[in-house]
């Protein structure tokens, strides 16, 4: 491959596509990704628009209604304050006839590794943004879903999280919960979960999708935040609705070059992103640990 055949716009698009395939916490359907404005660089501000409250008045027959009110907008600013990059080279001698394949594989790996960083960052922000009233369990007193001791299963605690969200007036449509693999295993032992899984929609397309149960799309991720507590590890399990969390990203630069001190093709790329909890009451947190 010569650098004349390297088209930055095409490679940049491929990289962003791979990032979206690998995301769980920042994918559409978990985060709100619809915005006004472009990301032009680190420090850019993305404006998230909304509609303010609308006044509702009682209607009395035969009585003139009030003049129409002027709608107000509600706007939140999302700061693009995170920047990650990759920079690698492929030696001419080692891969003489394999550069296209090696470059494609390397770019895919770069996309996966960058998505790991942004996904973990977003997960941490979600956990930090959950209001106290929407939490079940805590670090140091984590929930252990064990019917043999507490009498409650993982499924029961998922139902309790749904109740927390409903009491906070969180919309029921689009709700999700992101769980670690050990909790998927616990749910698989519960007939209520397996029966619903068998009748779930085959059209669910979210990354990490396991099943739909108790009003949630159940998503599995290895990036569920954890905190070590003595000899045990607590999992910080987020449930919510997409309006709770906003995310914006852009592959800002993908640049091919020939290093001066080597015979190789190299490429470097810059990933810019930012995220923010905008409706905390639409998030719930379960601090739990696996049965030992």
C-alpha atoms as a PDB file:
ATOM      1  CA  UNK A   1       0.000   0.000   0.000  1.00  0.00           C
ATOM      2  CA  UNK A   2       1.288   3.451  -0.822  1.00  0.00           C
ATOM      3  CA  UNK A   3       0.217   6.563   1.013  1.00  0.00           C
ATOM      4  CA  UNK A   4      -1.356   7.826  -2.210  1.00  0.00           C
ATOM      5  CA  UNK A   5      -4.010   5.120  -1.806  1.00  0.00           C
ATOM      6  CA  UNK A   6      -4.777   6.043   1.787  1.00  0.00           C
ATOM      7  CA  UNK A   7      -7.962   8.146   1.891  1.00  0.00           C
ATOM      8  CA  UNK A   8      -8.309   9.721   5.383  1.00  0.00           C
ATOM      9  CA  UNK A   9     -12.067  10.341   5.142  1.00  0.00           C
ATOM     10  CA  UNK A  10     -12.790   6.673   4.399  1.00  0.00           C
ATOM     11  CA  UNK A  11     -10.553   5.347   7.147  1.00  0.00           C
ATOM     12  CA  UNK A  12     -11.984   7.842   9.606  1.00  0.00           C
ATOM     13  CA  UNK A  13     -15.523   6.650   8.867  1.00  0.00           C
ATOM     14  CA  UNK A  14     -14.497   3.024   9.300  1.00  0.00           C
ATOM     15  CA  UNK A  15     -12.950   3.780  12.668  1.00  0.00           C
ATOM     16  CA  UNK A  16     -16.035   5.544  13.979  1.00  0.00           C
ATOM     17  CA  UNK A  17     -18.244   2.675  12.825  1.00  0.00           C
ATOM     18  CA  UNK A  18     -16.118   0.200  14.751  1.00  0.00           C
ATOM     19  CA  UNK A  19     -16.309   2.366  17.852  1.00  0.00           C
ATOM     20  CA  UNK A  20     -20.091   2.351  17.773  1.00  0.00           C
ATOM     21  CA  UNK A  21     -20.191  -1.426  17.441  1.00  0.00           C
ATOM     22  CA  UNK A  22     -18.092  -1.826  20.570  1.00  0.00           C
ATOM     23  CA  UNK A  23     -19.912   0.694  22.782  1.00  0.00           C
ATOM     24  CA  UNK A  24     -22.415  -0.335  25.464  1.00  0.00           C
ATOM     25  CA  UNK A  25     -22.742   2.611  27.852  1.00  0.00           C
ATOM     26  CA  UNK A  26     -22.445   5.238  25.106  1.00  0.00           C
ATOM     27  CA  UNK A  27     -24.464   3.593  22.352  1.00  0.00           C
ATOM     28  CA  UNK A  28     -27.731   5.014  21.062  1.00  0.00           C
ATOM     29  CA  UNK A  29     -30.523   3.583  23.176  1.00  0.00           C
ATOM     30  CA  UNK A  30     -28.494   3.921  26.359  1.00  0.00           C
ATOM     31  CA  UNK A  31     -27.241   7.473  25.845  1.00  0.00           C
ATOM     32  CA  UNK A  32     -28.934  10.372  24.108  1.00  0.00           C
ATOM     33  CA  UNK A  33     -26.781  11.211  21.087  1.00  0.00           C
ATOM     34  CA  UNK A  34     -28.993  13.726  19.210  1.00  0.00           C
ATOM     35  CA  UNK A  35     -27.485  17.190  19.232  1.00  0.00           C
ATOM     36  CA  UNK A  36     -27.189  20.568  17.571  1.00  0.00           C
ATOM     37  CA  UNK A  37     -23.675  21.622  16.664  1.00  0.00           C
ATOM     38  CA  UNK A  38     -20.435  20.079  15.466  1.00  0.00           C
ATOM     39  CA  UNK A  39     -17.374  19.001  17.392  1.00  0.00           C
ATOM     40  CA  UNK A  40     -14.543  21.128  16.056  1.00  0.00           C
ATOM     41  CA  UNK A  41     -11.913  20.302  18.660  1.00  0.00           C
ATOM     42  CA  UNK A  42     -11.162  19.669  22.308  1.00  0.00           C
ATOM     43  CA  UNK A  43     -13.124  22.163  24.392  1.00  0.00           C
ATOM     44  CA  UNK A  44     -16.014  22.378  21.922  1.00  0.00           C
ATOM     45  CA  UNK A  45     -19.473  22.946  23.380  1.00  0.00           C
ATOM     46  CA  UNK A  46     -22.417  20.888  22.142  1.00  0.00           C
ATOM     47  CA  UNK A  47     -25.811  22.459  22.819  1.00  0.00           C
ATOM     48  CA  UNK A  48     -28.530  20.042  23.922  1.00  0.00           C
ATOM     49  CA  UNK A  49     -31.917  21.619  23.340  1.00  0.00           C
ATOM     50  CA  UNK A  50     -35.189  20.849  25.065  1.00  0.00           C
ATOM     51  CA  UNK A  51     -38.631  22.368  25.671  1.00  0.00           C
ATOM     52  CA  UNK A  52     -39.524  23.956  28.971  1.00  0.00           C
ATOM     53  CA  UNK A  53     -42.701  23.198  30.902  1.00  0.00           C
ATOM     54  CA  UNK A  54     -46.094  23.847  29.292  1.00  0.00           C
ATOM     55  CA  UNK A  55     -48.849  25.299  31.501  1.00  0.00           C
ATOM     56  CA  UNK A  56     -51.992  23.153  31.780  1.00  0.00           C
ATOM     57  CA  UNK A  57     -55.203  24.922  32.890  1.00  0.00           C
ATOM     58  CA  UNK A  58     -58.746  23.682  33.587  1.00  0.00           C
ATOM     59  CA  UNK A  59     -61.258  24.288  30.788  1.00  0.00           C
ATOM     60  CA  UNK A  60     -64.656  25.782  31.646  1.00  0.00           C
ATOM     61  CA  UNK A  61     -67.314  25.589  28.971  1.00  0.00           C
ATOM     62  CA  UNK A  62     -68.421  29.019  27.734  1.00  0.00           C
ATOM     63  CA  UNK A  63     -65.392  30.749  29.281  1.00  0.00           C
ATOM     64  CA  UNK A  64     -62.649  32.206  27.066  1.00  0.00           C
ATOM     65  CA  UNK A  65     -59.359  30.414  27.341  1.00  0.00           C
ATOM     66  CA  UNK A  66     -56.076  32.180  28.148  1.00  0.00           C
ATOM     67  CA  UNK A  67     -53.950  33.573  25.313  1.00  0.00           C
ATOM     68  CA  UNK A  68     -51.371  31.128  23.989  1.00  0.00           C
ATOM     69  CA  UNK A  69     -48.154  31.159  25.961  1.00  0.00           C
ATOM     70  CA  UNK A  70     -44.770  31.480  24.341  1.00  0.00           C
ATOM     71  CA  UNK A  71     -42.784  28.310  24.690  1.00  0.00           C
ATOM     72  CA  UNK A  72     -39.393  28.554  26.323  1.00  0.00           C
ATOM     73  CA  UNK A  73     -36.421  26.394  25.578  1.00  0.00           C
ATOM     74  CA  UNK A  74     -34.308  24.466  28.041  1.00  0.00           C
ATOM     75  CA  UNK A  75     -30.711  24.118  26.983  1.00  0.00           C
ATOM     76  CA  UNK A  76     -27.833  22.154  28.473  1.00  0.00           C
ATOM     77  CA  UNK A  77     -24.222  22.491  27.409  1.00  0.00           C
ATOM     78  CA  UNK A  78     -22.122  19.376  26.845  1.00  0.00           C
ATOM     79  CA  UNK A  79     -18.381  20.006  27.022  1.00  0.00           C
ATOM     80  CA  UNK A  80     -16.147  17.907  24.769  1.00  0.00           C
ATOM     81  CA  UNK A  81     -13.365  17.512  27.314  1.00  0.00           C
ATOM     82  CA  UNK A  82     -11.971  14.031  26.620  1.00  0.00           C
ATOM     83  CA  UNK A  83      -9.345  13.253  23.976  1.00  0.00           C
ATOM     84  CA  UNK A  84      -7.639   9.929  23.259  1.00  0.00           C
ATOM     85  CA  UNK A  85      -5.256   9.055  20.444  1.00  0.00           C
ATOM     86  CA  UNK A  86      -3.510   6.107  18.830  1.00  0.00           C
ATOM     87  CA  UNK A  87      -0.258   6.115  16.894  1.00  0.00           C
ATOM     88  CA  UNK A  88       1.188   2.953  15.362  1.00  0.00           C
ATOM     89  CA  UNK A  89       3.328   1.827  12.439  1.00  0.00           C
ATOM     90  CA  UNK A  90       3.568  -1.271  10.240  1.00  0.00           C
ATOM     91  CA  UNK A  91       7.077  -2.175   9.064  1.00  0.00           C
ATOM     92  CA  UNK A  92       7.536  -2.576   5.298  1.00  0.00           C
ATOM     93  CA  UNK A  93       9.802  -5.621   5.564  1.00  0.00           C
ATOM     94  CA  UNK A  94       7.724  -7.635   8.036  1.00  0.00           C
ATOM     95  CA  UNK A  95       4.457  -7.315   6.124  1.00  0.00           C
ATOM     96  CA  UNK A  96       5.577  -6.748   2.536  1.00  0.00           C
ATOM     97  CA  UNK A  97       2.412  -8.002   0.837  1.00  0.00           C
ATOM     98  CA  UNK A  98       0.045  -7.857   3.813  1.00  0.00           C
ATOM     99  CA  UNK A  99      -0.151  -4.152   4.625  1.00  0.00           C
ATOM    100  CA  UNK A 100      -3.835  -3.685   3.680  1.00  0.00           C
ATOM    101  CA  UNK A 101      -4.902  -6.595   5.888  1.00  0.00           C
ATOM    102  CA  UNK A 102      -2.628  -5.608   8.744  1.00  0.00           C
ATOM    103  CA  UNK A 103      -3.705  -1.983   8.635  1.00  0.00           C
ATOM    104  CA  UNK A 104      -7.383  -2.933   8.616  1.00  0.00           C
ATOM    105  CA  UNK A 105      -6.899  -5.254  11.591  1.00  0.00           C
ATOM    106  CA  UNK A 106      -4.846  -2.663  13.448  1.00  0.00           C
ATOM    107  CA  UNK A 107      -7.461   0.031  12.892  1.00  0.00           C
ATOM    108  CA  UNK A 108     -10.192  -2.296  14.152  1.00  0.00           C
ATOM    109  CA  UNK A 109      -8.121  -3.022  17.256  1.00  0.00           C
ATOM    110  CA  UNK A 110      -7.520   0.697  17.784  1.00  0.00           C
ATOM    111  CA  UNK A 111     -11.269   1.307  17.566  1.00  0.00           C
ATOM    112  CA  UNK A 112     -11.964  -1.408  20.123  1.00  0.00           C
ATOM    113  CA  UNK A 113      -9.317  -0.143  22.538  1.00  0.00           C
ATOM    114  CA  UNK A 114     -10.519   3.456  22.244  1.00  0.00           C
ATOM    115  CA  UNK A 115     -14.103   2.385  22.864  1.00  0.00           C
ATOM    116  CA  UNK A 116     -12.999   0.613  26.040  1.00  0.00           C
ATOM    117  CA  UNK A 117     -11.625   3.891  27.365  1.00  0.00           C
ATOM    118  CA  UNK A 118     -14.683   5.997  26.517  1.00  0.00           C
ATOM    119  CA  UNK A 119     -17.126   3.309  27.670  1.00  0.00           C
ATOM    120  CA  UNK A 120     -15.468   3.018  31.089  1.00  0.00           C
ATOM    121  CA  UNK A 121     -15.362   6.789  31.435  1.00  0.00           C
ATOM    122  CA  UNK A 122     -19.083   7.076  30.661  1.00  0.00           C
ATOM    123  CA  UNK A 123     -19.943   4.271  33.081  1.00  0.00           C
ATOM    124  CA  UNK A 124     -18.123   6.067  35.878  1.00  0.00           C
ATOM    125  CA  UNK A 125     -19.987   9.321  35.205  1.00  0.00           C
ATOM    126  CA  UNK A 126     -23.324   7.511  35.268  1.00  0.00           C
ATOM    127  CA  UNK A 127     -22.552   5.913  38.628  1.00  0.00           C
ATOM    128  CA  UNK A 128     -21.457   9.255  40.098  1.00  0.00           C
ATOM    129  CA  UNK A 129     -24.623  10.974  38.849  1.00  0.00           C
ATOM    130  CA  UNK A 130     -27.251   8.722  40.454  1.00  0.00           C
ATOM    131  CA  UNK A 131     -29.227  10.527  43.196  1.00  0.00           C
ATOM    132  CA  UNK A 132     -29.277   8.989  46.666  1.00  0.00           C
ATOM    133  CA  UNK A 133     -32.950   8.060  46.533  1.00  0.00           C
ATOM    134  CA  UNK A 134     -32.393   5.892  43.442  1.00  0.00           C
ATOM    135  CA  UNK A 135     -29.761   3.646  45.007  1.00  0.00           C
ATOM    136  CA  UNK A 136     -30.079   0.102  46.321  1.00  0.00           C
ATOM    137  CA  UNK A 137     -27.168  -1.176  48.395  1.00  0.00           C
ATOM    138  CA  UNK A 138     -23.846   0.592  48.881  1.00  0.00           C
ATOM    139  CA  UNK A 139     -20.142  -0.092  48.862  1.00  0.00           C
ATOM    140  CA  UNK A 140     -19.446  -1.897  52.131  1.00  0.00           C
ATOM    141  CA  UNK A 141     -23.036  -3.119  52.358  1.00  0.00           C
ATOM    142  CA  UNK A 142     -23.577  -4.510  48.878  1.00  0.00           C
ATOM    143  CA  UNK A 143     -26.629  -6.569  47.992  1.00  0.00           C
ATOM    144  CA  UNK A 144     -26.037 -10.302  47.546  1.00  0.00           C
ATOM    145  CA  UNK A 145     -28.848 -11.755  45.397  1.00  0.00           C
ATOM    146  CA  UNK A 146     -29.125 -15.127  47.094  1.00  0.00           C
ATOM    147  CA  UNK A 147     -32.594 -16.656  47.652  1.00  0.00           C
ATOM    148  CA  UNK A 148     -31.097 -19.123  50.147  1.00  0.00           C
ATOM    149  CA  UNK A 149     -30.129 -16.329  52.563  1.00  0.00           C
ATOM    150  CA  UNK A 150     -31.841 -13.015  51.789  1.00  0.00           C
ATOM    151  CA  UNK A 151     -34.754 -14.612  49.990  1.00  0.00           C
ATOM    152  CA  UNK A 152     -34.341 -12.257  47.031  1.00  0.00           C
ATOM    153  CA  UNK A 153     -32.871 -13.057  43.629  1.00  0.00           C
ATOM    154  CA  UNK A 154     -31.151 -10.922  41.013  1.00  0.00           C
ATOM    155  CA  UNK A 155     -34.504 -10.739  39.229  1.00  0.00           C
ATOM    156  CA  UNK A 156     -36.169  -9.337  42.371  1.00  0.00           C
ATOM    157  CA  UNK A 157     -33.605  -6.556  42.644  1.00  0.00           C
ATOM    158  CA  UNK A 158     -34.079  -5.646  38.993  1.00  0.00           C
ATOM    159  CA  UNK A 159     -37.796  -5.248  39.714  1.00  0.00           C
ATOM    160  CA  UNK A 160     -36.894  -3.019  42.685  1.00  0.00           C
ATOM    161  CA  UNK A 161     -34.776  -0.832  40.397  1.00  0.00           C
ATOM    162  CA  UNK A 162     -37.720  -0.482  38.043  1.00  0.00           C
ATOM    163  CA  UNK A 163     -39.811   0.684  41.004  1.00  0.00           C
ATOM    164  CA  UNK A 164     -37.180   3.272  41.917  1.00  0.00           C
ATOM    165  CA  UNK A 165     -37.286   4.718  38.400  1.00  0.00           C
ATOM    166  CA  UNK A 166     -41.084   4.734  38.279  1.00  0.00           C
ATOM    167  CA  UNK A 167     -41.283   6.559  41.613  1.00  0.00           C
ATOM    168  CA  UNK A 168     -38.940   9.172  40.136  1.00  0.00           C
ATOM    169  CA  UNK A 169     -41.313   9.677  37.152  1.00  0.00           C
ATOM    170  CA  UNK A 170     -38.837   8.165  34.688  1.00  0.00           C
ATOM    171  CA  UNK A 171     -40.548   7.129  31.418  1.00  0.00           C
ATOM    172  CA  UNK A 172     -41.023   3.373  31.037  1.00  0.00           C
ATOM    173  CA  UNK A 173     -40.195   3.229  27.341  1.00  0.00           C
ATOM    174  CA  UNK A 174     -36.587   2.512  26.425  1.00  0.00           C
ATOM    175  CA  UNK A 175     -35.416   1.483  29.885  1.00  0.00           C
ATOM    176  CA  UNK A 176     -32.231  -0.577  30.116  1.00  0.00           C
ATOM    177  CA  UNK A 177     -30.049  -2.183  32.759  1.00  0.00           C
ATOM    178  CA  UNK A 178     -26.356  -2.993  32.276  1.00  0.00           C
ATOM    179  CA  UNK A 179     -25.165  -6.020  34.233  1.00  0.00           C
ATOM    180  CA  UNK A 180     -21.906  -7.971  34.643  1.00  0.00           C
ATOM    181  CA  UNK A 181     -21.600 -11.578  33.395  1.00  0.00           C
ATOM    182  CA  UNK A 182     -21.993 -13.054  36.889  1.00  0.00           C
ATOM    183  CA  UNK A 183     -25.433 -11.487  37.192  1.00  0.00           C
ATOM    184  CA  UNK A 184     -26.447 -12.852  33.799  1.00  0.00           C
ATOM    185  CA  UNK A 185     -25.610 -16.264  35.237  1.00  0.00           C
ATOM    186  CA  UNK A 186     -27.773 -15.640  38.298  1.00  0.00           C
ATOM    187  CA  UNK A 187     -30.697 -14.531  36.142  1.00  0.00           C
ATOM    188  CA  UNK A 188     -30.353 -17.622  33.952  1.00  0.00           C
ATOM    189  CA  UNK A 189     -31.188 -19.739  37.031  1.00  0.00           C
ATOM    190  CA  UNK A 190     -34.511 -17.928  37.533  1.00  0.00           C
ATOM    191  CA  UNK A 191     -37.544 -19.307  35.682  1.00  0.00           C
ATOM    192  CA  UNK A 192     -39.137 -15.851  35.568  1.00  0.00           C
ATOM    193  CA  UNK A 193     -36.148 -14.557  33.602  1.00  0.00           C
ATOM    194  CA  UNK A 194     -35.768 -17.534  31.270  1.00  0.00           C
ATOM    195  CA  UNK A 195     -39.489 -17.593  30.468  1.00  0.00           C
ATOM    196  CA  UNK A 196     -39.434 -13.913  29.516  1.00  0.00           C
ATOM    197  CA  UNK A 197     -36.205 -14.369  27.590  1.00  0.00           C
ATOM    198  CA  UNK A 198     -37.823 -17.076  25.514  1.00  0.00           C
ATOM    199  CA  UNK A 199     -40.649 -14.720  24.569  1.00  0.00           C
ATOM    200  CA  UNK A 200     -38.473 -11.620  24.099  1.00  0.00           C
ATOM    201  CA  UNK A 201     -38.264  -9.633  20.909  1.00  0.00           C
ATOM    202  CA  UNK A 202     -35.733 -10.961  18.396  1.00  0.00           C
ATOM    203  CA  UNK A 203     -35.399  -7.450  16.984  1.00  0.00           C
ATOM    204  CA  UNK A 204     -33.338  -5.975  19.827  1.00  0.00           C
ATOM    205  CA  UNK A 205     -30.138  -4.569  18.335  1.00  0.00           C
ATOM    206  CA  UNK A 206     -28.377  -2.957  21.283  1.00  0.00           C
ATOM    207  CA  UNK A 207     -24.776  -4.004  21.855  1.00  0.00           C
ATOM    208  CA  UNK A 208     -24.514  -6.523  24.694  1.00  0.00           C
ATOM    209  CA  UNK A 209     -28.229  -7.360  24.557  1.00  0.00           C
ATOM    210  CA  UNK A 210     -29.169 -10.409  26.655  1.00  0.00           C
ATOM    211  CA  UNK A 211     -32.945 -10.275  26.981  1.00  0.00           C
ATOM    212  CA  UNK A 212     -35.865  -8.060  27.935  1.00  0.00           C
ATOM    213  CA  UNK A 213     -37.283  -8.515  31.409  1.00  0.00           C
ATOM    214  CA  UNK A 214     -39.162  -6.504  34.059  1.00  0.00           C
ATOM    215  CA  UNK A 215     -39.478  -3.570  31.669  1.00  0.00           C
ATOM    216  CA  UNK A 216     -35.744  -3.408  30.918  1.00  0.00           C
ATOM    217  CA  UNK A 217     -33.557  -4.289  27.996  1.00  0.00           C
ATOM    218  CA  UNK A 218     -30.912  -6.323  29.814  1.00  0.00           C
ATOM    219  CA  UNK A 219     -27.423  -5.537  28.471  1.00  0.00           C
ATOM    220  CA  UNK A 220     -24.221  -7.287  29.525  1.00  0.00           C
ATOM    221  CA  UNK A 221     -20.855  -5.558  29.754  1.00  0.00           C
ATOM    222  CA  UNK A 222     -17.410  -6.328  31.102  1.00  0.00           C
ATOM    223  CA  UNK A 223     -17.077  -2.588  31.783  1.00  0.00           C
ATOM    224  CA  UNK A 224     -19.552  -2.534  34.676  1.00  0.00           C
ATOM    225  CA  UNK A 225     -17.639  -0.491  37.309  1.00  0.00           C
ATOM    226  CA  UNK A 226     -16.357  -2.441  40.300  1.00  0.00           C
ATOM    227  CA  UNK A 227     -14.946  -1.524  43.688  1.00  0.00           C
ATOM    228  CA  UNK A 228     -12.898  -3.916  45.805  1.00  0.00           C
ATOM    229  CA  UNK A 229     -14.210  -4.154  49.368  1.00  0.00           C
ATOM    230  CA  UNK A 230     -12.067  -6.261  51.704  1.00  0.00           C
ATOM    231  CA  UNK A 231     -11.933  -9.670  50.017  1.00  0.00           C
ATOM    232  CA  UNK A 232     -14.959  -9.096  47.807  1.00  0.00           C
ATOM    233  CA  UNK A 233     -15.703  -7.022  44.721  1.00  0.00           C
ATOM    234  CA  UNK A 234     -18.835  -4.912  44.409  1.00  0.00           C
ATOM    235  CA  UNK A 235     -20.433  -4.340  40.996  1.00  0.00           C
ATOM    236  CA  UNK A 236     -22.030  -0.942  40.364  1.00  0.00           C
ATOM    237  CA  UNK A 237     -25.008  -1.780  38.162  1.00  0.00           C
ATOM    238  CA  UNK A 238     -26.740   1.049  36.320  1.00  0.00           C
ATOM    239  CA  UNK A 239     -30.350   1.070  35.119  1.00  0.00           C
ATOM    240  CA  UNK A 240     -31.928   3.971  33.322  1.00  0.00           C
ATOM    241  CA  UNK A 241     -33.547   5.562  30.311  1.00  0.00           C
ATOM    242  CA  UNK A 242     -31.710   7.251  27.383  1.00  0.00           C
ATOM    243  CA  UNK A 243     -32.848  10.763  28.308  1.00  0.00           C
ATOM    244  CA  UNK A 244     -30.746  10.530  31.476  1.00  0.00           C
ATOM    245  CA  UNK A 245     -27.342  10.631  29.811  1.00  0.00           C
ATOM    246  CA  UNK A 246     -25.943  12.575  26.869  1.00  0.00           C
ATOM    247  CA  UNK A 247     -22.911  11.639  24.790  1.00  0.00           C
ATOM    248  CA  UNK A 248     -21.158  13.104  21.763  1.00  0.00           C
ATOM    249  CA  UNK A 249     -18.072  11.862  19.942  1.00  0.00           C
ATOM    250  CA  UNK A 250     -16.069  12.434  16.796  1.00  0.00           C
ATOM    251  CA  UNK A 251     -12.982  10.979  15.180  1.00  0.00           C
ATOM    252  CA  UNK A 252     -11.343  14.358  14.778  1.00  0.00           C
ATOM    253  CA  UNK A 253      -8.233  13.339  12.859  1.00  0.00           C
ATOM    254  CA  UNK A 254      -6.869  10.265  11.081  1.00  0.00           C
ATOM    255  CA  UNK A 255      -3.448  11.001   9.604  1.00  0.00           C
ATOM    256  CA  UNK A 256      -1.208   8.633   7.592  1.00  0.00           C
ATOM    257  CA  UNK A 257       2.515   9.316   7.510  1.00  0.00           C
ATOM    258  CA  UNK A 258       5.970   7.813   6.852  1.00  0.00           C
ATOM    259  CA  UNK A 259       8.222   7.998   9.944  1.00  0.00           C
ATOM    260  CA  UNK A 260      11.563   9.594   9.078  1.00  0.00           C
ATOM    261  CA  UNK A 261      13.664   7.057  11.000  1.00  0.00           C
ATOM    262  CA  UNK A 262      12.014   3.843   9.748  1.00  0.00           C
ATOM    263  CA  UNK A 263      10.778   2.035   6.642  1.00  0.00           C
ATOM    264  CA  UNK A 264       7.142   1.753   7.626  1.00  0.00           C
ATOM    265  CA  UNK A 265       3.670   3.110   7.119  1.00  0.00           C
ATOM    266  CA  UNK A 266       2.169   4.745  10.188  1.00  0.00           C
ATOM    267  CA  UNK A 267      -1.190   6.167  11.135  1.00  0.00           C
ATOM    268  CA  UNK A 268      -2.373   8.243  14.071  1.00  0.00           C
ATOM    269  CA  UNK A 269      -5.889   9.190  15.084  1.00  0.00           C
ATOM    270  CA  UNK A 270      -7.639  11.446  17.608  1.00  0.00           C
ATOM    271  CA  UNK A 271     -10.959  10.591  19.282  1.00  0.00           C
ATOM    272  CA  UNK A 272     -12.820  13.488  20.930  1.00  0.00           C
ATOM    273  CA  UNK A 273     -15.835  12.961  23.157  1.00  0.00           C
ATOM    274  CA  UNK A 274     -17.818  14.251  26.083  1.00  0.00           C
ATOM    275  CA  UNK A 275     -20.734  13.024  28.165  1.00  0.00           C
ATOM    276  CA  UNK A 276     -22.967  14.251  30.957  1.00  0.00           C
ATOM    277  CA  UNK A 277     -25.797  13.125  33.227  1.00  0.00           C
ATOM    278  CA  UNK A 278     -28.621  15.527  32.330  1.00  0.00           C
ATOM    279  CA  UNK A 279     -31.586  13.880  34.103  1.00  0.00           C
ATOM    280  CA  UNK A 280     -30.252  12.127  37.209  1.00  0.00           C
ATOM    281  CA  UNK A 281     -33.664  10.886  38.346  1.00  0.00           C
ATOM    282  CA  UNK A 282     -33.798   8.664  35.263  1.00  0.00           C
ATOM    283  CA  UNK A 283     -30.857   6.608  36.557  1.00  0.00           C
ATOM    284  CA  UNK A 284     -30.821   3.971  39.293  1.00  0.00           C
ATOM    285  CA  UNK A 285     -27.877   2.151  40.876  1.00  0.00           C
ATOM    286  CA  UNK A 286     -27.640  -1.320  42.386  1.00  0.00           C
ATOM    287  CA  UNK A 287     -24.472  -2.129  44.315  1.00  0.00           C
ATOM    288  CA  UNK A 288     -24.254  -5.917  44.383  1.00  0.00           C
ATOM    289  CA  UNK A 289     -21.789  -8.767  44.602  1.00  0.00           C
ATOM    290  CA  UNK A 290     -21.875 -12.324  43.384  1.00  0.00           C
ATOM    291  CA  UNK A 291     -22.910 -15.170  45.652  1.00  0.00           C
ATOM    292  CA  UNK A 292     -19.791 -16.919  46.974  1.00  0.00           C
END
